[in-house]
Protein backbone atom coordinates (compact mmCIF):
# COMPACT_ATOMS: atom_id res chain seq x y z
CA UNK A 1 49.46 170.15 84.27
CA UNK A 2 52.27 169.67 81.72
CA UNK A 3 55.83 169.74 82.97
CA UNK A 4 57.94 172.75 81.91
CA UNK A 5 60.54 172.12 79.22
CA UNK A 6 63.46 172.31 81.67
CA UNK A 7 61.80 169.63 83.84
CA UNK A 8 61.52 167.34 80.85
CA UNK A 9 65.20 167.93 80.15
CA UNK A 10 66.06 166.96 83.73
CA UNK A 11 63.97 163.80 83.50
CA UNK A 12 65.51 162.89 80.16
CA UNK A 13 69.02 163.50 81.51
CA UNK A 14 68.33 161.29 84.53
CA UNK A 15 67.01 158.51 82.30
CA UNK A 16 70.02 158.83 79.99
CA UNK A 17 72.43 158.74 82.96
CA UNK A 18 70.72 155.64 84.35
CA UNK A 19 70.98 153.90 80.97
CA UNK A 20 74.63 154.88 80.63
CA UNK A 21 75.29 153.66 84.18
CA UNK A 22 73.74 150.28 83.45
CA UNK A 23 75.66 150.08 80.19
CA UNK A 24 78.88 151.03 81.97
CA UNK A 25 78.43 148.33 84.63
CA UNK A 26 77.69 145.73 81.95
CA UNK A 27 80.75 146.82 79.96
CA UNK A 28 82.99 146.57 83.03
CA UNK A 29 81.53 143.18 83.92
CA UNK A 30 82.27 141.84 80.43
CA UNK A 31 85.69 143.47 80.61
CA UNK A 32 86.34 141.54 83.83
CA UNK A 33 85.51 138.32 82.02
CA UNK A 34 88.08 139.39 79.44
CA UNK A 35 90.90 139.09 82.02
CA UNK A 36 90.32 135.35 82.05
CA UNK A 37 90.40 135.34 78.25
CA UNK A 38 93.75 137.13 78.33
CA UNK A 39 94.99 134.55 80.81
CA UNK A 40 93.85 131.73 78.52
CA UNK A 41 95.82 133.36 75.70
CA UNK A 42 98.98 132.42 77.59
CA UNK A 43 98.31 128.81 76.58
CA UNK A 44 99.38 129.98 73.11
CA UNK A 45 102.21 132.34 74.07
CA UNK A 46 103.66 130.31 76.98
CA UNK A 47 102.38 126.72 76.60
CA UNK A 48 105.18 125.07 78.60
CA UNK A 49 104.67 127.37 81.58
CA UNK A 50 100.91 126.83 81.50
CA UNK A 51 101.31 123.06 81.26
CA UNK A 52 103.44 123.15 84.41
CA UNK A 53 100.63 125.08 86.11
CA UNK A 54 98.08 122.49 84.98
CA UNK A 55 99.89 119.58 86.68
CA UNK A 56 99.00 120.52 90.31
CA UNK A 57 95.43 121.31 89.23
CA UNK A 58 95.17 117.89 87.59
CA UNK A 59 96.38 116.07 90.71
CA UNK A 60 94.21 118.01 93.16
CA UNK A 61 91.28 117.96 90.72
CA UNK A 62 91.34 114.17 90.55
CA UNK A 63 91.11 113.95 94.35
CA UNK A 64 88.30 116.51 94.53
CA UNK A 65 86.37 114.87 91.71
CA UNK A 66 86.46 111.56 93.58
CA UNK A 67 85.15 113.25 96.71
CA UNK A 68 82.36 115.04 94.84
CA UNK A 69 81.27 111.80 93.14
CA UNK A 70 81.11 110.05 96.54
CA UNK A 71 79.10 112.99 97.91
CA UNK A 72 76.68 112.92 94.95
CA UNK A 73 76.10 109.17 95.28
CA UNK A 74 75.23 109.58 98.97
CA UNK A 75 73.34 112.88 98.65
CA UNK A 76 69.92 111.36 99.46
CA UNK A 77 71.27 109.67 102.56
CA UNK A 78 73.00 112.84 103.75
CA UNK A 79 69.87 114.93 103.13
CA UNK A 80 67.84 112.44 105.17
CA UNK A 81 70.47 112.47 107.94
CA UNK A 82 70.33 116.26 108.38
CA UNK A 83 66.49 116.31 108.34
CA UNK A 84 65.54 113.63 110.88
CA UNK A 85 62.57 115.71 111.97
CA UNK A 86 60.92 115.05 108.59
CA UNK A 87 61.03 111.28 108.96
CA UNK A 88 57.47 111.03 110.29
CA UNK A 89 55.98 113.54 107.85
CA UNK A 90 53.74 112.64 104.95
CA UNK A 91 55.58 111.86 101.72
CA UNK A 92 55.03 115.13 99.80
CA UNK A 93 56.25 117.27 102.70
CA UNK A 94 59.15 114.92 103.51
CA UNK A 95 60.30 114.81 99.89
CA UNK A 96 60.05 118.60 99.54
CA UNK A 97 62.09 119.27 102.69
CA UNK A 98 64.77 116.75 101.78
CA UNK A 99 64.95 118.06 98.22
CA UNK A 100 65.51 121.56 99.62
CA UNK A 101 68.13 120.19 102.00
CA UNK A 102 69.90 118.40 99.14
CA UNK A 103 69.89 121.52 96.97
CA UNK A 104 71.22 123.63 99.85
CA UNK A 105 73.94 121.07 100.51
CA UNK A 106 75.00 121.03 96.87
CA UNK A 107 75.35 124.82 96.79
CA UNK A 108 77.33 124.97 100.02
CA UNK A 109 79.59 122.04 99.09
CA UNK A 110 80.32 123.47 95.63
CA UNK A 111 81.26 126.84 97.12
CA UNK A 112 83.56 125.22 99.67
CA UNK A 113 84.96 122.81 97.09
CA UNK A 114 85.91 125.55 94.63
CA UNK A 115 87.52 127.74 97.28
CA UNK A 116 89.44 124.95 99.00
CA UNK A 117 90.45 123.54 95.61
CA UNK A 118 92.04 126.86 94.68
CA UNK A 119 93.73 127.20 98.07
CA UNK A 120 95.10 123.64 98.03
CA UNK A 121 96.18 123.84 94.39
CA UNK A 122 97.98 127.15 94.94
CA UNK A 123 99.74 125.60 97.93
CA UNK A 124 100.73 122.41 96.08
CA UNK A 125 101.78 124.20 92.91
CA UNK A 126 103.12 127.40 94.45
CA UNK A 127 106.47 127.38 92.52
CA UNK A 128 104.63 126.98 89.19
CA UNK A 129 101.96 129.60 89.86
CA UNK A 130 104.55 132.03 91.18
CA UNK A 131 106.38 131.66 87.86
CA UNK A 132 103.16 132.42 85.98
CA UNK A 133 102.55 135.46 88.18
CA UNK A 134 106.12 136.71 87.69
CA UNK A 135 105.88 136.17 83.92
CA UNK A 136 102.77 138.34 83.75
CA UNK A 137 104.31 141.03 85.96
CA UNK A 138 107.48 141.07 83.85
CA UNK A 139 105.50 141.20 80.61
CA UNK A 140 103.43 144.16 81.84
CA UNK A 141 106.48 145.96 83.26
CA UNK A 142 107.02 147.88 86.48
CA UNK A 143 107.01 144.69 88.51
CA UNK A 144 107.25 144.84 92.32
CA UNK A 145 110.63 144.65 93.99
CA UNK A 146 111.58 141.54 95.93
CA UNK A 147 110.16 141.36 99.41
CA UNK A 148 112.95 141.60 101.96
CA UNK A 149 110.97 140.46 105.00
CA UNK A 150 111.82 137.11 106.64
CA UNK A 151 110.25 134.01 105.11
CA UNK A 152 108.41 133.10 108.32
CA UNK A 153 106.76 136.52 108.49
CA UNK A 154 105.61 136.25 104.89
CA UNK A 155 104.33 132.74 105.60
CA UNK A 156 102.41 133.86 108.67
CA UNK A 157 100.80 136.76 106.80
CA UNK A 158 99.76 134.49 103.95
CA UNK A 159 98.44 131.88 106.38
CA UNK A 160 96.49 134.54 108.26
CA UNK A 161 94.88 135.76 105.05
CA UNK A 162 94.01 132.19 104.03
CA UNK A 163 92.38 131.53 107.43
CA UNK A 164 90.32 134.72 107.18
CA UNK A 165 89.22 133.79 103.67
CA UNK A 166 88.31 130.30 104.85
CA UNK A 167 86.26 131.76 107.72
CA UNK A 168 84.48 134.05 105.26
CA UNK A 169 83.80 131.09 102.97
CA UNK A 170 82.41 128.99 105.81
CA UNK A 171 80.16 131.86 106.90
CA UNK A 172 78.87 132.37 103.36
CA UNK A 173 78.44 128.61 102.86
CA UNK A 174 76.44 128.19 106.08
CA UNK A 175 74.27 131.21 105.24
CA UNK A 176 73.51 129.87 101.77
CA UNK A 177 72.83 126.43 103.22
CA UNK A 178 70.31 127.83 105.72
CA UNK A 179 68.71 130.03 103.03
CA UNK A 180 68.33 126.99 100.79
CA UNK A 181 65.41 125.81 102.94
CA UNK A 182 63.33 128.89 102.03
CA UNK A 183 60.72 127.78 99.46
CA UNK A 184 61.33 129.07 95.90
CA UNK A 185 64.03 131.50 97.07
CA UNK A 186 66.27 128.60 98.08
CA UNK A 187 66.06 127.06 94.62
CA UNK A 188 66.28 130.28 92.55
CA UNK A 189 67.95 133.21 94.31
CA UNK A 190 70.36 131.25 96.51
CA UNK A 191 72.20 129.47 93.63
CA UNK A 192 72.73 132.84 91.92
CA UNK A 193 74.04 134.33 95.16
CA UNK A 194 76.33 131.33 95.46
CA UNK A 195 77.91 132.11 92.10
CA UNK A 196 78.24 135.83 92.89
CA UNK A 197 79.76 135.34 96.35
CA UNK A 198 81.82 132.37 95.19
CA UNK A 199 83.26 134.45 92.36
CA UNK A 200 84.15 137.27 94.75
CA UNK A 201 85.91 134.96 97.22
CA UNK A 202 87.67 133.14 94.39
CA UNK A 203 89.07 136.41 93.07
CA UNK A 204 90.26 137.42 96.52
CA UNK A 205 92.23 134.17 96.68
CA UNK A 206 93.68 134.29 93.16
CA UNK A 207 94.89 137.89 93.47
CA UNK A 208 97.01 137.02 96.49
CA UNK A 209 100.33 136.88 94.61
CA UNK A 210 100.15 140.43 93.26
CA UNK A 211 98.87 142.02 96.46
CA UNK A 212 101.09 140.06 98.85
CA UNK A 213 104.17 141.02 96.81
CA UNK A 214 103.28 144.65 97.52
CA UNK A 215 102.68 143.93 101.23
CA UNK A 216 98.99 144.77 101.04
CA UNK A 217 96.64 143.19 103.55
CA UNK A 218 93.48 141.25 102.78
CA UNK A 219 91.44 144.26 103.89
CA UNK A 220 93.30 146.50 101.43
CA UNK A 221 92.84 143.85 98.75
CA UNK A 222 89.09 143.80 99.32
CA UNK A 223 88.89 147.57 99.25
CA UNK A 224 90.87 147.96 96.01
CA UNK A 225 88.99 145.19 94.23
CA UNK A 226 85.76 146.67 95.57
CA UNK A 227 86.40 149.87 93.64
CA UNK A 228 86.26 147.71 90.49
CA UNK A 229 83.47 145.45 91.67
CA UNK A 230 81.87 144.84 88.28
CA UNK A 231 85.18 143.81 86.70
CA UNK A 232 86.07 141.70 89.73
CA UNK A 233 82.74 139.87 89.64
CA UNK A 234 82.93 139.37 85.88
CA UNK A 235 86.28 137.66 86.23
CA UNK A 236 85.42 135.75 89.40
CA UNK A 237 81.97 134.50 88.39
CA UNK A 238 83.16 133.22 85.00
CA UNK A 239 86.13 131.49 86.65
CA UNK A 240 83.87 130.01 89.33
CA UNK A 241 81.43 128.57 86.78
CA UNK A 242 84.23 127.11 84.65
CA UNK A 243 85.78 125.55 87.75
CA UNK A 244 82.54 123.59 88.18
CA UNK A 245 83.02 121.92 84.79
CA UNK A 246 84.61 118.49 85.32
CA UNK A 247 88.38 118.93 84.98
CA UNK A 248 87.76 122.43 83.61
CA UNK A 249 89.88 123.75 86.47
CA UNK A 250 92.91 121.95 85.01
CA UNK A 251 92.77 124.25 81.99
CA UNK A 252 91.46 127.31 83.83
CA UNK A 253 93.64 127.36 86.96
CA UNK A 254 96.89 128.64 85.40
CA UNK A 255 94.93 131.05 83.21
CA UNK A 256 93.02 132.31 86.26
CA UNK A 257 96.30 133.07 88.07
CA UNK A 258 97.47 135.07 85.04
CA UNK A 259 94.14 136.86 84.64
CA UNK A 260 93.95 137.66 88.34
CA UNK A 261 97.40 139.25 88.15
CA UNK A 262 96.23 141.50 85.32
CA UNK A 263 93.09 142.41 87.25
CA UNK A 264 95.16 143.15 90.35
CA UNK A 265 97.43 145.52 88.48
CA UNK A 266 94.45 147.39 87.04
CA UNK A 267 93.01 147.76 90.55
CA UNK A 268 96.38 148.89 91.91
CA UNK A 269 96.87 151.38 89.10
CA UNK A 270 93.42 152.85 89.77
CA UNK A 271 94.20 153.30 93.47
CA UNK A 272 95.16 156.90 94.33
CA UNK A 273 97.43 155.75 97.17
CA UNK A 274 99.22 152.65 95.84
CA UNK A 275 101.65 152.40 92.92
CA UNK A 276 101.74 149.35 90.68
CA UNK A 277 105.37 148.53 91.46
């Protein structure tokens, strides 16, 4: 029996809404990637400031690169060490299990490396990255007032947020590592999840300056960024992938701080309960 004309209109409207929704998510995701592009533009407008921000990333990046090279050289040995039960198996099964273990290790180590790299670099280069953050805030206007709380209280709050982020990263890393042993899924779905979750955690870390200056907790940060999830993931996933490029983080780190500040202000402006300044 043919559908009445009004039913066809409802179906067509639903299909159109679904297409527009998908298009809107894609547009916001690409827009989130654009925040990093706007941060990179500061290499042209403020080259001296960005060069200062690249110095800590260069120093920390050299140390991390050495560690990753050592890990890669010994990957087979480490994979064999964590799968002793496979030692007596036949070669095809042993090779398959240790390949899965190696792939899972690589994903977990890269996630932890990127996060800890950002945390360590922000700590080492805090004066430089704070200047980049303040320059962006001043350029956009309506910057937050100075925090009048004691230094130790600010330090404790920042340390508490960093510990919670590290715990979240370890939990995600261990989950991805365990999932890496699942045939097919571990070599296809898990790496994609690693990029998605790594990008989310990376953005949470990089947006710390803007949110901490407004005395917003990590939970509030997650909630506000969650309302702009597509934009947040667009920015975070692109930054995460570029951080994996050898010494790419040296160029990207100062730009990521600038882009994260812009993203933070957009999230704050969209919040019905929190002003930008």
